[in-house]
Amino acid sequence: MREEQELEQEYEYEYNSKGEIVYYAIRPNKTQIKKELAVLFALSEELSELSAAQVKYLELPDNIHKGVMEVSGMPHKGARKRLLKFITGQLNKIDIDPILEKLARMKNQSAHAVREHHIVERWRDRLIAGGNNALTEFLNEQPDADRQQLRQLLRNIQKETQAGTPPKSSRLLYRYLKDVFKIEGELEPEDYAAFEESAEFEDHAGFEHDIEFDDEAGFEDEDDLEHG
């Protein structure tokens, strides 16, 4: 009985004229196999673009993990394609659903992180260019923020901009705003590439770039800001 069940899983069968079961091998659907392998190859390529921390999070089998880490640093040549095919073959031997679930969860988390950092970047730029009005608006929205620290950072940014010195205070402002919004960690460059939301979106090193400063905004006087 057990042998018949195993045969039914691997073979098609029909009854002959005598009422006996006749088994015959199932022909593999080559087109379907190619499609499935193409999906797995695309997954292999996606895995090769992840950071080491992201790959570790997926908890891949050792042989696949090793292959993914090796292929990630290889140039786009024949050797890389061969290794991707090897990874594809190994993926074809296992249940990939747990990997896909973790990958989807990781993407959702990364997209959320990008949106949070985007908020910080926009507020940083508004505070730099918007003067007292922007600061007052921010403090109304975030009443627990340190007015004195923000004021000092903005004055320092104005001085650095006018002197043409490196934007140290702009970076400090960015980090302070992250603390205000309770945003942890740094984003990987690939997170920005994968989840860029608009043409205006800056990369995570955006505060290294030149920012147009509104000289009319001004943060010269503490009283001006206190009563902004």
N, C-alpha and C. Protein backbone atom coordinates (compact mmCIF):
# COMPACT_ATOMS: atom_id res chain seq x y z
N MET A 1 0.84 -1.20 0.00
CA MET A 1 0.00 0.00 0.00
C MET A 1 0.87 1.25 0.00
N ARG A 2 1.93 1.22 0.82
CA ARG A 2 2.83 2.36 0.89
C ARG A 2 3.53 2.60 -0.44
N GLU A 3 3.92 1.50 -1.11
CA GLU A 3 4.58 1.64 -2.41
C GLU A 3 3.64 2.28 -3.42
N GLU A 4 2.37 1.90 -3.37
CA GLU A 4 1.40 2.49 -4.30
C GLU A 4 1.25 3.98 -4.06
N GLN A 5 1.23 4.40 -2.78
CA GLN A 5 1.12 5.83 -2.47
C GLN A 5 2.32 6.61 -2.99
N GLU A 6 3.52 6.04 -2.83
CA GLU A 6 4.73 6.69 -3.33
C GLU A 6 4.71 6.78 -4.85
N LEU A 7 4.23 5.71 -5.49
CA LEU A 7 4.14 5.74 -6.95
C LEU A 7 3.14 6.79 -7.42
N GLU A 8 2.03 6.93 -6.68
CA GLU A 8 1.02 7.92 -7.07
C GLU A 8 1.56 9.34 -6.99
N GLN A 9 2.54 9.58 -6.08
CA GLN A 9 3.13 10.91 -5.96
C GLN A 9 4.10 11.22 -7.08
N GLU A 10 4.75 10.19 -7.65
CA GLU A 10 5.79 10.40 -8.64
C GLU A 10 5.34 10.07 -10.06
N TYR A 11 4.22 9.38 -10.20
CA TYR A 11 3.78 8.93 -11.52
C TYR A 11 2.30 9.21 -11.71
N GLU A 12 1.93 9.37 -12.97
CA GLU A 12 0.52 9.37 -13.34
C GLU A 12 0.10 7.91 -13.49
N TYR A 13 -1.20 7.65 -13.37
CA TYR A 13 -1.64 6.27 -13.54
C TYR A 13 -3.04 6.23 -14.16
N GLU A 14 -3.38 5.09 -14.72
CA GLU A 14 -4.71 4.87 -15.29
C GLU A 14 -5.02 3.38 -15.16
N TYR A 15 -6.26 3.05 -15.39
CA TYR A 15 -6.66 1.65 -15.32
C TYR A 15 -6.70 1.06 -16.73
N ASN A 16 -6.19 -0.18 -16.85
CA ASN A 16 -6.25 -0.85 -18.15
C ASN A 16 -7.59 -1.57 -18.30
N SER A 17 -7.73 -2.29 -19.38
CA SER A 17 -9.00 -2.97 -19.68
C SER A 17 -9.36 -4.02 -18.64
N LYS A 18 -8.37 -4.50 -17.89
CA LYS A 18 -8.62 -5.52 -16.87
C LYS A 18 -8.90 -4.88 -15.49
N GLY A 19 -8.93 -3.55 -15.45
CA GLY A 19 -9.16 -2.88 -14.18
C GLY A 19 -7.94 -2.77 -13.33
N GLU A 20 -6.76 -3.02 -13.91
CA GLU A 20 -5.52 -2.93 -13.17
C GLU A 20 -4.90 -1.53 -13.34
N ILE A 21 -4.22 -1.07 -12.29
CA ILE A 21 -3.57 0.25 -12.35
C ILE A 21 -2.28 0.14 -13.14
N VAL A 22 -2.12 1.02 -14.10
CA VAL A 22 -0.89 1.07 -14.89
C VAL A 22 -0.27 2.45 -14.66
N TYR A 23 0.98 2.44 -14.18
CA TYR A 23 1.68 3.69 -13.90
C TYR A 23 2.59 4.08 -15.07
N TYR A 24 2.73 5.38 -15.27
CA TYR A 24 3.71 5.87 -16.23
C TYR A 24 4.29 7.19 -15.71
N ALA A 25 5.56 7.38 -16.03
CA ALA A 25 6.28 8.51 -15.46
C ALA A 25 5.70 9.84 -15.91
N ILE A 26 5.69 10.81 -14.97
CA ILE A 26 5.23 12.16 -15.30
C ILE A 26 6.36 12.90 -15.99
N ARG A 27 6.09 13.45 -17.14
CA ARG A 27 7.11 14.22 -17.85
C ARG A 27 7.24 15.59 -17.20
N PRO A 28 8.44 15.98 -16.88
CA PRO A 28 8.61 17.31 -16.28
C PRO A 28 8.27 18.40 -17.30
N ASN A 29 7.62 19.44 -16.82
CA ASN A 29 7.28 20.59 -17.65
C ASN A 29 8.50 21.51 -17.70
N LYS A 30 9.25 21.44 -18.77
CA LYS A 30 10.50 22.18 -18.87
C LYS A 30 10.27 23.68 -18.80
N THR A 31 9.20 24.16 -19.38
CA THR A 31 8.91 25.60 -19.34
C THR A 31 8.68 26.06 -17.91
N GLN A 32 7.92 25.26 -17.15
CA GLN A 32 7.64 25.60 -15.76
C GLN A 32 8.92 25.57 -14.92
N ILE A 33 9.76 24.57 -15.17
CA ILE A 33 11.02 24.46 -14.45
C ILE A 33 11.89 25.69 -14.71
N LYS A 34 11.95 26.13 -15.96
CA LYS A 34 12.75 27.30 -16.31
C LYS A 34 12.23 28.55 -15.59
N LYS A 35 10.91 28.67 -15.52
CA LYS A 35 10.32 29.82 -14.84
C LYS A 35 10.67 29.82 -13.35
N GLU A 36 10.58 28.64 -12.74
CA GLU A 36 10.89 28.54 -11.31
C GLU A 36 12.35 28.85 -11.04
N LEU A 37 13.23 28.36 -11.91
CA LEU A 37 14.66 28.63 -11.74
C LEU A 37 14.97 30.10 -11.97
N ALA A 38 14.24 30.73 -12.90
CA ALA A 38 14.44 32.16 -13.15
C ALA A 38 14.08 32.97 -11.92
N VAL A 39 13.01 32.56 -11.24
CA VAL A 39 12.59 33.25 -10.01
C VAL A 39 13.67 33.09 -8.94
N LEU A 40 14.20 31.88 -8.81
CA LEU A 40 15.24 31.63 -7.82
C LEU A 40 16.53 32.36 -8.15
N PHE A 41 16.84 32.47 -9.45
CA PHE A 41 18.05 33.20 -9.86
C PHE A 41 17.89 34.68 -9.51
N ALA A 42 16.69 35.22 -9.74
CA ALA A 42 16.43 36.63 -9.37
C ALA A 42 16.56 36.82 -7.87
N LEU A 43 16.11 35.83 -7.10
CA LEU A 43 16.25 35.89 -5.65
C LEU A 43 17.73 35.86 -5.26
N SER A 44 18.52 35.04 -5.95
CA SER A 44 19.95 34.98 -5.69
C SER A 44 20.61 36.33 -5.92
N GLU A 45 20.23 36.99 -7.00
CA GLU A 45 20.78 38.31 -7.30
C GLU A 45 20.37 39.33 -6.24
N GLU A 46 19.11 39.24 -5.79
CA GLU A 46 18.65 40.16 -4.76
C GLU A 46 19.42 39.95 -3.46
N LEU A 47 19.66 38.71 -3.12
CA LEU A 47 20.43 38.41 -1.90
C LEU A 47 21.85 38.94 -2.01
N SER A 48 22.41 38.91 -3.22
CA SER A 48 23.80 39.36 -3.41
C SER A 48 23.94 40.86 -3.21
N GLU A 49 22.84 41.60 -3.26
CA GLU A 49 22.89 43.06 -3.11
C GLU A 49 22.70 43.50 -1.66
N LEU A 50 22.44 42.56 -0.76
CA LEU A 50 22.18 42.91 0.63
C LEU A 50 23.49 43.14 1.39
N SER A 51 23.38 43.87 2.48
CA SER A 51 24.53 44.08 3.35
C SER A 51 24.78 42.81 4.16
N ALA A 52 25.96 42.74 4.77
CA ALA A 52 26.30 41.57 5.58
C ALA A 52 25.31 41.39 6.73
N ALA A 53 24.90 42.49 7.35
CA ALA A 53 23.95 42.42 8.47
C ALA A 53 22.59 41.90 8.00
N GLN A 54 22.17 42.34 6.80
CA GLN A 54 20.89 41.88 6.28
C GLN A 54 20.93 40.40 5.93
N VAL A 55 22.04 39.95 5.36
CA VAL A 55 22.19 38.53 5.02
C VAL A 55 22.15 37.70 6.30
N LYS A 56 22.82 38.16 7.32
CA LYS A 56 22.84 37.44 8.60
C LYS A 56 21.44 37.33 9.17
N TYR A 57 20.65 38.38 9.03
CA TYR A 57 19.28 38.39 9.55
C TYR A 57 18.43 37.31 8.91
N LEU A 58 18.70 36.98 7.65
CA LEU A 58 17.90 36.00 6.93
C LEU A 58 18.16 34.57 7.40
N GLU A 59 19.28 34.35 8.11
CA GLU A 59 19.61 33.02 8.64
C GLU A 59 19.60 31.95 7.54
N LEU A 60 20.35 32.20 6.50
CA LEU A 60 20.45 31.26 5.38
C LEU A 60 21.26 30.04 5.79
N PRO A 61 21.03 28.90 5.11
CA PRO A 61 21.91 27.75 5.33
C PRO A 61 23.36 28.14 5.07
N ASP A 62 24.29 27.48 5.74
CA ASP A 62 25.70 27.88 5.68
C ASP A 62 26.25 27.97 4.26
N ASN A 63 25.94 26.97 3.43
CA ASN A 63 26.49 26.98 2.07
C ASN A 63 25.94 28.14 1.24
N ILE A 64 24.66 28.46 1.44
CA ILE A 64 24.07 29.58 0.71
C ILE A 64 24.59 30.91 1.26
N HIS A 65 24.69 31.01 2.57
CA HIS A 65 25.22 32.23 3.19
C HIS A 65 26.63 32.52 2.69
N LYS A 66 27.46 31.49 2.66
CA LYS A 66 28.84 31.65 2.19
C LYS A 66 28.86 32.09 0.73
N GLY A 67 28.03 31.47 -0.09
CA GLY A 67 27.98 31.84 -1.51
C GLY A 67 27.52 33.26 -1.72
N VAL A 68 26.49 33.69 -0.96
CA VAL A 68 25.95 35.04 -1.09
C VAL A 68 27.00 36.08 -0.69
N MET A 69 27.72 35.82 0.41
CA MET A 69 28.74 36.76 0.86
C MET A 69 29.89 36.85 -0.14
N GLU A 70 30.20 35.73 -0.77
CA GLU A 70 31.30 35.73 -1.73
C GLU A 70 30.90 36.45 -3.02
N VAL A 71 29.69 36.20 -3.49
CA VAL A 71 29.28 36.77 -4.78
C VAL A 71 29.03 38.26 -4.68
N SER A 72 28.72 38.77 -3.48
CA SER A 72 28.38 40.19 -3.33
C SER A 72 29.53 41.11 -3.70
N GLY A 73 30.77 40.62 -3.57
CA GLY A 73 31.90 41.48 -3.89
C GLY A 73 32.55 41.18 -5.23
N MET A 74 31.89 40.34 -6.04
CA MET A 74 32.48 39.95 -7.32
C MET A 74 32.03 40.85 -8.46
N PRO A 75 32.90 41.10 -9.43
CA PRO A 75 32.50 41.88 -10.61
C PRO A 75 31.50 41.09 -11.45
N HIS A 76 30.75 41.81 -12.27
CA HIS A 76 29.71 41.18 -13.09
C HIS A 76 30.34 40.47 -14.28
N LYS A 77 30.93 39.32 -14.00
CA LYS A 77 31.57 38.53 -15.04
C LYS A 77 31.12 37.08 -14.93
N GLY A 78 31.74 36.22 -15.72
CA GLY A 78 31.33 34.83 -15.78
C GLY A 78 31.38 34.12 -14.45
N ALA A 79 32.41 34.36 -13.67
CA ALA A 79 32.55 33.68 -12.38
C ALA A 79 31.39 34.03 -11.45
N ARG A 80 30.97 35.28 -11.50
CA ARG A 80 29.85 35.71 -10.65
C ARG A 80 28.56 35.00 -11.07
N LYS A 81 28.35 34.90 -12.37
CA LYS A 81 27.13 34.25 -12.85
C LYS A 81 27.13 32.77 -12.48
N ARG A 82 28.29 32.15 -12.54
CA ARG A 82 28.37 30.73 -12.16
C ARG A 82 28.04 30.54 -10.68
N LEU A 83 28.54 31.47 -9.85
CA LEU A 83 28.27 31.36 -8.43
C LEU A 83 26.79 31.62 -8.14
N LEU A 84 26.20 32.55 -8.87
CA LEU A 84 24.76 32.82 -8.72
C LEU A 84 23.95 31.58 -9.11
N LYS A 85 24.40 30.87 -10.14
CA LYS A 85 23.72 29.64 -10.54
C LYS A 85 23.85 28.58 -9.45
N PHE A 86 25.01 28.54 -8.81
CA PHE A 86 25.19 27.59 -7.71
C PHE A 86 24.22 27.91 -6.57
N ILE A 87 24.14 29.20 -6.22
CA ILE A 87 23.21 29.62 -5.15
C ILE A 87 21.78 29.28 -5.54
N THR A 88 21.45 29.50 -6.81
CA THR A 88 20.11 29.17 -7.31
C THR A 88 19.82 27.68 -7.12
N GLY A 89 20.79 26.86 -7.46
CA GLY A 89 20.63 25.42 -7.30
C GLY A 89 20.42 25.02 -5.86
N GLN A 90 21.14 25.68 -4.95
CA GLN A 90 20.98 25.37 -3.53
C GLN A 90 19.63 25.85 -3.00
N LEU A 91 19.17 26.98 -3.47
CA LEU A 91 17.85 27.48 -3.08
C LEU A 91 16.75 26.54 -3.57
N ASN A 92 17.00 25.93 -4.72
CA ASN A 92 16.02 25.02 -5.31
C ASN A 92 15.83 23.75 -4.46
N LYS A 93 16.78 23.50 -3.56
CA LYS A 93 16.72 22.28 -2.74
C LYS A 93 16.02 22.49 -1.40
N ILE A 94 15.72 23.74 -1.09
CA ILE A 94 15.15 24.02 0.24
C ILE A 94 13.82 24.75 0.11
N ASP A 95 13.13 24.85 1.23
CA ASP A 95 11.90 25.63 1.31
C ASP A 95 12.30 27.10 1.47
N ILE A 96 12.01 27.91 0.48
CA ILE A 96 12.45 29.32 0.52
C ILE A 96 11.42 30.24 1.17
N ASP A 97 10.26 29.71 1.55
CA ASP A 97 9.22 30.58 2.13
C ASP A 97 9.71 31.34 3.36
N PRO A 98 10.43 30.69 4.30
CA PRO A 98 10.93 31.45 5.46
C PRO A 98 11.87 32.58 5.05
N ILE A 99 12.67 32.35 4.02
CA ILE A 99 13.58 33.40 3.54
C ILE A 99 12.79 34.56 2.96
N LEU A 100 11.78 34.23 2.15
CA LEU A 100 10.96 35.27 1.53
C LEU A 100 10.20 36.08 2.58
N GLU A 101 9.73 35.41 3.63
CA GLU A 101 9.00 36.11 4.68
C GLU A 101 9.91 37.10 5.42
N LYS A 102 11.11 36.66 5.74
CA LYS A 102 12.05 37.54 6.43
C LYS A 102 12.49 38.69 5.52
N LEU A 103 12.67 38.39 4.25
CA LEU A 103 13.06 39.42 3.29
C LEU A 103 11.98 40.49 3.18
N ALA A 104 10.72 40.06 3.13
CA ALA A 104 9.60 41.01 3.05
C ALA A 104 9.51 41.85 4.32
N ARG A 105 9.72 41.21 5.48
CA ARG A 105 9.68 41.93 6.75
C ARG A 105 10.80 42.96 6.81
N MET A 106 11.97 42.57 6.33
CA MET A 106 13.12 43.46 6.34
C MET A 106 12.88 44.67 5.42
N LYS A 107 12.27 44.42 4.27
CA LYS A 107 11.97 45.52 3.34
C LYS A 107 10.99 46.50 3.96
N ASN A 108 9.97 45.99 4.65
CA ASN A 108 8.99 46.86 5.28
C ASN A 108 9.64 47.71 6.36
N GLN A 109 10.52 47.09 7.14
CA GLN A 109 11.23 47.83 8.19
C GLN A 109 12.13 48.90 7.59
N SER A 110 12.81 48.54 6.49
CA SER A 110 13.71 49.51 5.83
C SER A 110 12.93 50.67 5.26
N ALA A 111 11.77 50.38 4.66
CA ALA A 111 10.94 51.45 4.08
C ALA A 111 10.47 52.39 5.18
N HIS A 112 10.10 51.84 6.33
CA HIS A 112 9.67 52.66 7.46
C HIS A 112 10.83 53.53 7.95
N ALA A 113 12.02 52.94 8.03
CA ALA A 113 13.19 53.69 8.48
C ALA A 113 13.51 54.84 7.54
N VAL A 114 13.39 54.60 6.25
CA VAL A 114 13.66 55.65 5.26
C VAL A 114 12.69 56.81 5.43
N ARG A 115 11.41 56.50 5.65
CA ARG A 115 10.42 57.57 5.85
C ARG A 115 10.75 58.40 7.08
N GLU A 116 11.20 57.72 8.15
CA GLU A 116 11.56 58.45 9.37
C GLU A 116 12.75 59.37 9.14
N HIS A 117 13.78 58.85 8.48
CA HIS A 117 14.97 59.66 8.23
C HIS A 117 14.66 60.80 7.26
N HIS A 118 13.73 60.55 6.37
CA HIS A 118 13.32 61.59 5.43
C HIS A 118 12.70 62.77 6.19
N ILE A 119 11.89 62.47 7.20
CA ILE A 119 11.28 63.51 8.02
C ILE A 119 12.37 64.35 8.70
N VAL A 120 13.38 63.68 9.23
CA VAL A 120 14.47 64.38 9.90
C VAL A 120 15.21 65.29 8.92
N GLU A 121 15.50 64.78 7.74
CA GLU A 121 16.23 65.58 6.74
C GLU A 121 15.44 66.83 6.36
N ARG A 122 14.13 66.67 6.17
CA ARG A 122 13.32 67.82 5.77
C ARG A 122 13.26 68.87 6.87
N TRP A 123 13.11 68.43 8.11
CA TRP A 123 13.09 69.39 9.21
C TRP A 123 14.43 70.09 9.36
N ARG A 124 15.52 69.34 9.18
CA ARG A 124 16.84 69.96 9.24
C ARG A 124 16.95 71.11 8.23
N ASP A 125 16.55 70.84 6.99
CA ASP A 125 16.66 71.85 5.94
C ASP A 125 15.71 73.02 6.18
N ARG A 126 14.51 72.74 6.71
CA ARG A 126 13.56 73.81 7.01
C ARG A 126 14.09 74.72 8.11
N LEU A 127 14.69 74.11 9.13
CA LEU A 127 15.23 74.90 10.23
C LEU A 127 16.40 75.77 9.78
N ILE A 128 17.24 75.23 8.90
CA ILE A 128 18.39 75.99 8.41
C ILE A 128 17.94 77.18 7.57
N ALA A 129 16.96 76.96 6.71
CA ALA A 129 16.56 78.01 5.77
C ALA A 129 15.42 78.87 6.26
N GLY A 130 14.67 78.39 7.27
CA GLY A 130 13.41 79.06 7.63
C GLY A 130 13.48 80.07 8.75
N GLY A 131 14.62 80.17 9.43
CA GLY A 131 14.75 81.18 10.47
C GLY A 131 13.84 80.94 11.67
N ASN A 132 13.45 82.05 12.34
CA ASN A 132 12.69 81.97 13.58
C ASN A 132 11.34 81.30 13.40
N ASN A 133 10.70 81.56 12.28
CA ASN A 133 9.38 80.98 12.04
C ASN A 133 9.44 79.47 12.01
N ALA A 134 10.44 78.93 11.31
CA ALA A 134 10.58 77.47 11.22
C ALA A 134 10.89 76.89 12.60
N LEU A 135 11.74 77.58 13.37
CA LEU A 135 12.09 77.09 14.70
C LEU A 135 10.87 77.08 15.61
N THR A 136 10.09 78.15 15.56
CA THR A 136 8.87 78.21 16.37
C THR A 136 7.90 77.10 16.00
N GLU A 137 7.75 76.88 14.72
CA GLU A 137 6.86 75.81 14.24
C GLU A 137 7.34 74.45 14.74
N PHE A 138 8.65 74.23 14.68
CA PHE A 138 9.19 72.95 15.13
C PHE A 138 8.96 72.77 16.63
N LEU A 139 9.22 73.80 17.41
CA LEU A 139 9.06 73.71 18.86
C LEU A 139 7.60 73.52 19.26
N ASN A 140 6.69 74.07 18.48
CA ASN A 140 5.26 73.83 18.72
C ASN A 140 4.91 72.36 18.51
N GLU A 141 5.57 71.77 17.51
CA GLU A 141 5.31 70.36 17.19
C GLU A 141 6.06 69.44 18.14
N GLN A 142 7.26 69.86 18.56
CA GLN A 142 8.11 69.05 19.45
C GLN A 142 8.47 69.88 20.68
N PRO A 143 7.52 70.05 21.61
CA PRO A 143 7.75 70.94 22.76
C PRO A 143 8.86 70.47 23.70
N ASP A 144 9.24 69.20 23.65
CA ASP A 144 10.30 68.70 24.52
C ASP A 144 11.70 68.95 23.97
N ALA A 145 11.78 69.48 22.76
CA ALA A 145 13.09 69.76 22.16
C ALA A 145 13.77 70.90 22.93
N ASP A 146 15.09 70.88 22.94
CA ASP A 146 15.88 71.87 23.66
C ASP A 146 16.07 73.12 22.78
N ARG A 147 15.36 74.17 23.14
CA ARG A 147 15.40 75.41 22.36
C ARG A 147 16.81 75.98 22.30
N GLN A 148 17.49 75.99 23.43
CA GLN A 148 18.82 76.59 23.48
C GLN A 148 19.80 75.82 22.59
N GLN A 149 19.73 74.50 22.64
CA GLN A 149 20.65 73.70 21.83
C GLN A 149 20.38 73.90 20.35
N LEU A 150 19.11 73.92 19.97
CA LEU A 150 18.76 74.15 18.56
C LEU A 150 19.24 75.52 18.10
N ARG A 151 19.02 76.51 18.95
CA ARG A 151 19.42 77.87 18.59
C ARG A 151 20.92 77.95 18.36
N GLN A 152 21.69 77.29 19.25
CA GLN A 152 23.15 77.33 19.12
C GLN A 152 23.60 76.61 17.85
N LEU A 153 23.01 75.47 17.59
CA LEU A 153 23.37 74.72 16.38
C LEU A 153 23.08 75.53 15.12
N LEU A 154 21.94 76.19 15.09
CA LEU A 154 21.57 76.96 13.91
C LEU A 154 22.48 78.17 13.72
N ARG A 155 22.87 78.81 14.82
CA ARG A 155 23.83 79.92 14.69
C ARG A 155 25.17 79.42 14.17
N ASN A 156 25.59 78.25 14.67
CA ASN A 156 26.86 77.68 14.21
C ASN A 156 26.80 77.32 12.73
N ILE A 157 25.66 76.81 12.30
CA ILE A 157 25.49 76.46 10.89
C ILE A 157 25.58 77.72 10.02
N GLN A 158 24.97 78.79 10.49
CA GLN A 158 25.03 80.04 9.74
C GLN A 158 26.47 80.53 9.60
N LYS A 159 27.23 80.44 10.69
CA LYS A 159 28.63 80.87 10.65
C LYS A 159 29.44 80.00 9.70
N GLU A 160 29.24 78.68 9.77
CA GLU A 160 29.99 77.76 8.91
C GLU A 160 29.64 77.98 7.44
N THR A 161 28.37 78.26 7.18
CA THR A 161 27.95 78.49 5.80
C THR A 161 28.59 79.75 5.24
N GLN A 162 28.58 80.79 6.03
CA GLN A 162 29.16 82.06 5.59
C GLN A 162 30.68 81.97 5.43
N ALA A 163 31.31 81.13 6.27
CA ALA A 163 32.77 80.99 6.21
C ALA A 163 33.20 79.93 5.20
N GLY A 164 32.23 79.14 4.72
CA GLY A 164 32.56 78.09 3.75
C GLY A 164 33.31 76.93 4.36
N THR A 165 33.14 76.71 5.66
CA THR A 165 33.82 75.60 6.34
C THR A 165 32.96 74.33 6.28
N PRO A 166 33.54 73.16 6.57
CA PRO A 166 32.78 71.91 6.52
C PRO A 166 31.54 71.96 7.42
N PRO A 167 30.45 71.31 6.99
CA PRO A 167 29.17 71.43 7.70
C PRO A 167 29.07 70.55 8.94
N LYS A 168 29.96 70.76 9.89
CA LYS A 168 29.96 69.97 11.13
C LYS A 168 28.65 70.16 11.90
N SER A 169 28.23 71.39 12.05
CA SER A 169 27.02 71.68 12.84
C SER A 169 25.77 71.16 12.16
N SER A 170 25.77 71.10 10.84
CA SER A 170 24.63 70.54 10.11
C SER A 170 24.48 69.06 10.44
N ARG A 171 25.61 68.37 10.53
CA ARG A 171 25.57 66.96 10.90
C ARG A 171 25.08 66.79 12.35
N LEU A 172 25.56 67.68 13.22
CA LEU A 172 25.14 67.61 14.61
C LEU A 172 23.64 67.89 14.75
N LEU A 173 23.14 68.82 13.95
CA LEU A 173 21.71 69.11 13.97
C LEU A 173 20.91 67.90 13.52
N TYR A 174 21.38 67.25 12.47
CA TYR A 174 20.71 66.04 11.97
C TYR A 174 20.63 64.99 13.08
N ARG A 175 21.74 64.77 13.76
CA ARG A 175 21.76 63.75 14.82
C ARG A 175 20.87 64.15 15.99
N TYR A 176 20.85 65.44 16.30
CA TYR A 176 19.99 65.88 17.40
C TYR A 176 18.52 65.66 17.04
N LEU A 177 18.15 65.98 15.82
CA LEU A 177 16.76 65.79 15.39
C LEU A 177 16.38 64.31 15.41
N LYS A 178 17.33 63.44 15.09
CA LYS A 178 17.07 62.00 15.19
C LYS A 178 16.72 61.63 16.63
N ASP A 179 17.43 62.23 17.58
CA ASP A 179 17.14 61.96 18.99
C ASP A 179 15.75 62.48 19.37
N VAL A 180 15.42 63.66 18.88
CA VAL A 180 14.10 64.24 19.18
C VAL A 180 12.99 63.34 18.68
N PHE A 181 13.16 62.82 17.45
CA PHE A 181 12.14 61.95 16.86
C PHE A 181 12.30 60.49 17.29
N LYS A 182 13.31 60.24 18.16
CA LYS A 182 13.55 58.88 18.68
C LYS A 182 13.79 57.87 17.55
N ILE A 183 14.64 58.27 16.61
CA ILE A 183 15.00 57.40 15.50
C ILE A 183 16.37 56.82 15.78
N GLU A 184 16.46 55.50 15.73
CA GLU A 184 17.71 54.82 16.04
C GLU A 184 18.38 54.30 14.79
N GLY A 185 19.70 54.15 14.87
CA GLY A 185 20.45 53.48 13.81
C GLY A 185 20.71 54.35 12.61
N GLU A 186 21.56 53.82 11.73
CA GLU A 186 21.90 54.47 10.47
C GLU A 186 21.36 53.63 9.34
N LEU A 187 21.03 54.27 8.25
CA LEU A 187 20.52 53.54 7.09
C LEU A 187 21.65 53.07 6.20
N GLU A 188 21.47 51.87 5.63
CA GLU A 188 22.41 51.38 4.63
C GLU A 188 22.14 52.11 3.32
N PRO A 189 23.19 52.35 2.51
CA PRO A 189 22.97 53.03 1.23
C PRO A 189 21.94 52.33 0.36
N GLU A 190 21.91 50.98 0.39
CA GLU A 190 20.97 50.27 -0.46
C GLU A 190 19.53 50.48 -0.01
N ASP A 191 19.33 50.83 1.29
CA ASP A 191 17.98 51.11 1.75
C ASP A 191 17.44 52.34 1.05
N TYR A 192 18.28 53.35 0.89
CA TYR A 192 17.85 54.56 0.21
C TYR A 192 17.60 54.28 -1.27
N ALA A 193 18.47 53.48 -1.87
CA ALA A 193 18.31 53.18 -3.29
C ALA A 193 17.03 52.40 -3.53
N ALA A 194 16.71 51.49 -2.63
CA ALA A 194 15.55 50.62 -2.83
C ALA A 194 14.24 51.31 -2.51
N PHE A 195 14.26 52.26 -1.58
CA PHE A 195 13.01 52.82 -1.12
C PHE A 195 12.91 54.33 -1.31
N GLU A 196 13.61 54.85 -2.30
CA GLU A 196 13.56 56.29 -2.59
C GLU A 196 12.14 56.67 -2.93
N GLU A 197 11.64 57.71 -2.30
CA GLU A 197 10.23 58.03 -2.41
C GLU A 197 9.91 59.17 -3.38
N SER A 198 10.91 59.98 -3.70
CA SER A 198 10.61 61.07 -4.62
C SER A 198 11.90 61.61 -5.20
N ALA A 199 11.76 62.47 -6.21
CA ALA A 199 12.95 63.04 -6.85
C ALA A 199 13.67 63.99 -5.89
N GLU A 200 12.95 64.50 -4.88
CA GLU A 200 13.56 65.42 -3.94
C GLU A 200 14.29 64.69 -2.83
N PHE A 201 14.15 63.40 -2.79
CA PHE A 201 14.72 62.61 -1.68
C PHE A 201 16.24 62.66 -1.73
N GLU A 202 16.86 63.01 -0.60
CA GLU A 202 18.31 63.06 -0.52
C GLU A 202 18.82 61.75 0.03
N ASP A 203 20.06 61.39 -0.29
CA ASP A 203 20.62 60.20 0.31
C ASP A 203 21.02 60.49 1.74
N HIS A 204 21.39 59.42 2.50
CA HIS A 204 21.62 59.58 3.92
C HIS A 204 22.83 60.43 4.25
N ALA A 205 23.64 60.74 3.25
CA ALA A 205 24.76 61.65 3.47
C ALA A 205 24.42 63.05 2.98
N GLY A 206 23.12 63.32 2.82
CA GLY A 206 22.69 64.58 2.24
C GLY A 206 23.22 65.79 2.97
N PHE A 207 23.41 65.66 4.28
CA PHE A 207 23.87 66.82 5.02
C PHE A 207 25.33 67.12 4.75
N GLU A 208 26.00 66.27 3.98
CA GLU A 208 27.36 66.57 3.55
C GLU A 208 27.36 67.54 2.37
N HIS A 209 26.21 67.62 1.69
CA HIS A 209 26.14 68.42 0.48
C HIS A 209 25.91 69.89 0.82
N ASP A 210 26.13 70.74 -0.12
CA ASP A 210 25.89 72.16 0.08
C ASP A 210 24.41 72.41 0.23
N ILE A 211 24.04 73.17 1.24
CA ILE A 211 22.65 73.54 1.46
C ILE A 211 22.53 75.04 1.31
N GLU A 212 21.59 75.47 0.53
CA GLU A 212 21.41 76.90 0.32
C GLU A 212 20.88 77.52 1.61
N PHE A 213 21.57 78.48 2.12
CA PHE A 213 21.19 79.09 3.39
C PHE A 213 20.54 80.44 3.14
N ASP A 214 19.43 80.67 3.82
CA ASP A 214 18.72 81.93 3.69
C ASP A 214 19.32 82.94 4.66
N ASP A 215 20.07 83.88 4.14
CA ASP A 215 20.73 84.86 5.01
C ASP A 215 19.72 85.74 5.74
N GLU A 216 18.51 85.84 5.16
CA GLU A 216 17.50 86.68 5.79
C GLU A 216 16.90 86.00 7.01
N ALA A 217 17.09 84.67 7.11
CA ALA A 217 16.48 83.93 8.21
C ALA A 217 17.07 84.43 9.53
N GLY A 218 18.41 84.34 9.65
CA GLY A 218 19.10 84.93 10.79
C GLY A 218 18.79 84.28 12.13
N PHE A 219 19.82 84.08 12.93
CA PHE A 219 19.66 83.61 14.29
C PHE A 219 20.63 84.40 15.17
N GLU A 220 20.65 85.71 14.96
CA GLU A 220 21.68 86.50 15.61
C GLU A 220 21.37 86.75 17.08
N ASP A 221 20.09 86.92 17.39
CA ASP A 221 19.75 87.37 18.73
C ASP A 221 18.90 86.33 19.45
N GLU A 222 19.28 86.01 20.69
CA GLU A 222 18.55 85.00 21.44
C GLU A 222 17.12 85.43 21.72
N ASP A 223 16.92 86.72 21.97
CA ASP A 223 15.58 87.19 22.26
C ASP A 223 14.65 87.03 21.06
N ASP A 224 15.23 87.24 19.87
CA ASP A 224 14.44 87.06 18.65
C ASP A 224 13.87 85.65 18.59
N LEU A 225 14.72 84.70 18.94
CA LEU A 225 14.28 83.30 18.89
C LEU A 225 13.36 82.98 20.05
N GLU A 226 13.62 83.57 21.17
CA GLU A 226 12.83 83.28 22.35
C GLU A 226 11.38 83.68 22.14
N HIS A 227 11.21 84.76 21.40
CA HIS A 227 9.85 85.27 21.18
C HIS A 227 9.38 85.04 19.75
N GLY A 228 10.26 84.25 18.93
CA GLY A 228 10.01 84.06 17.50
C GLY A 228 8.60 83.96 17.17
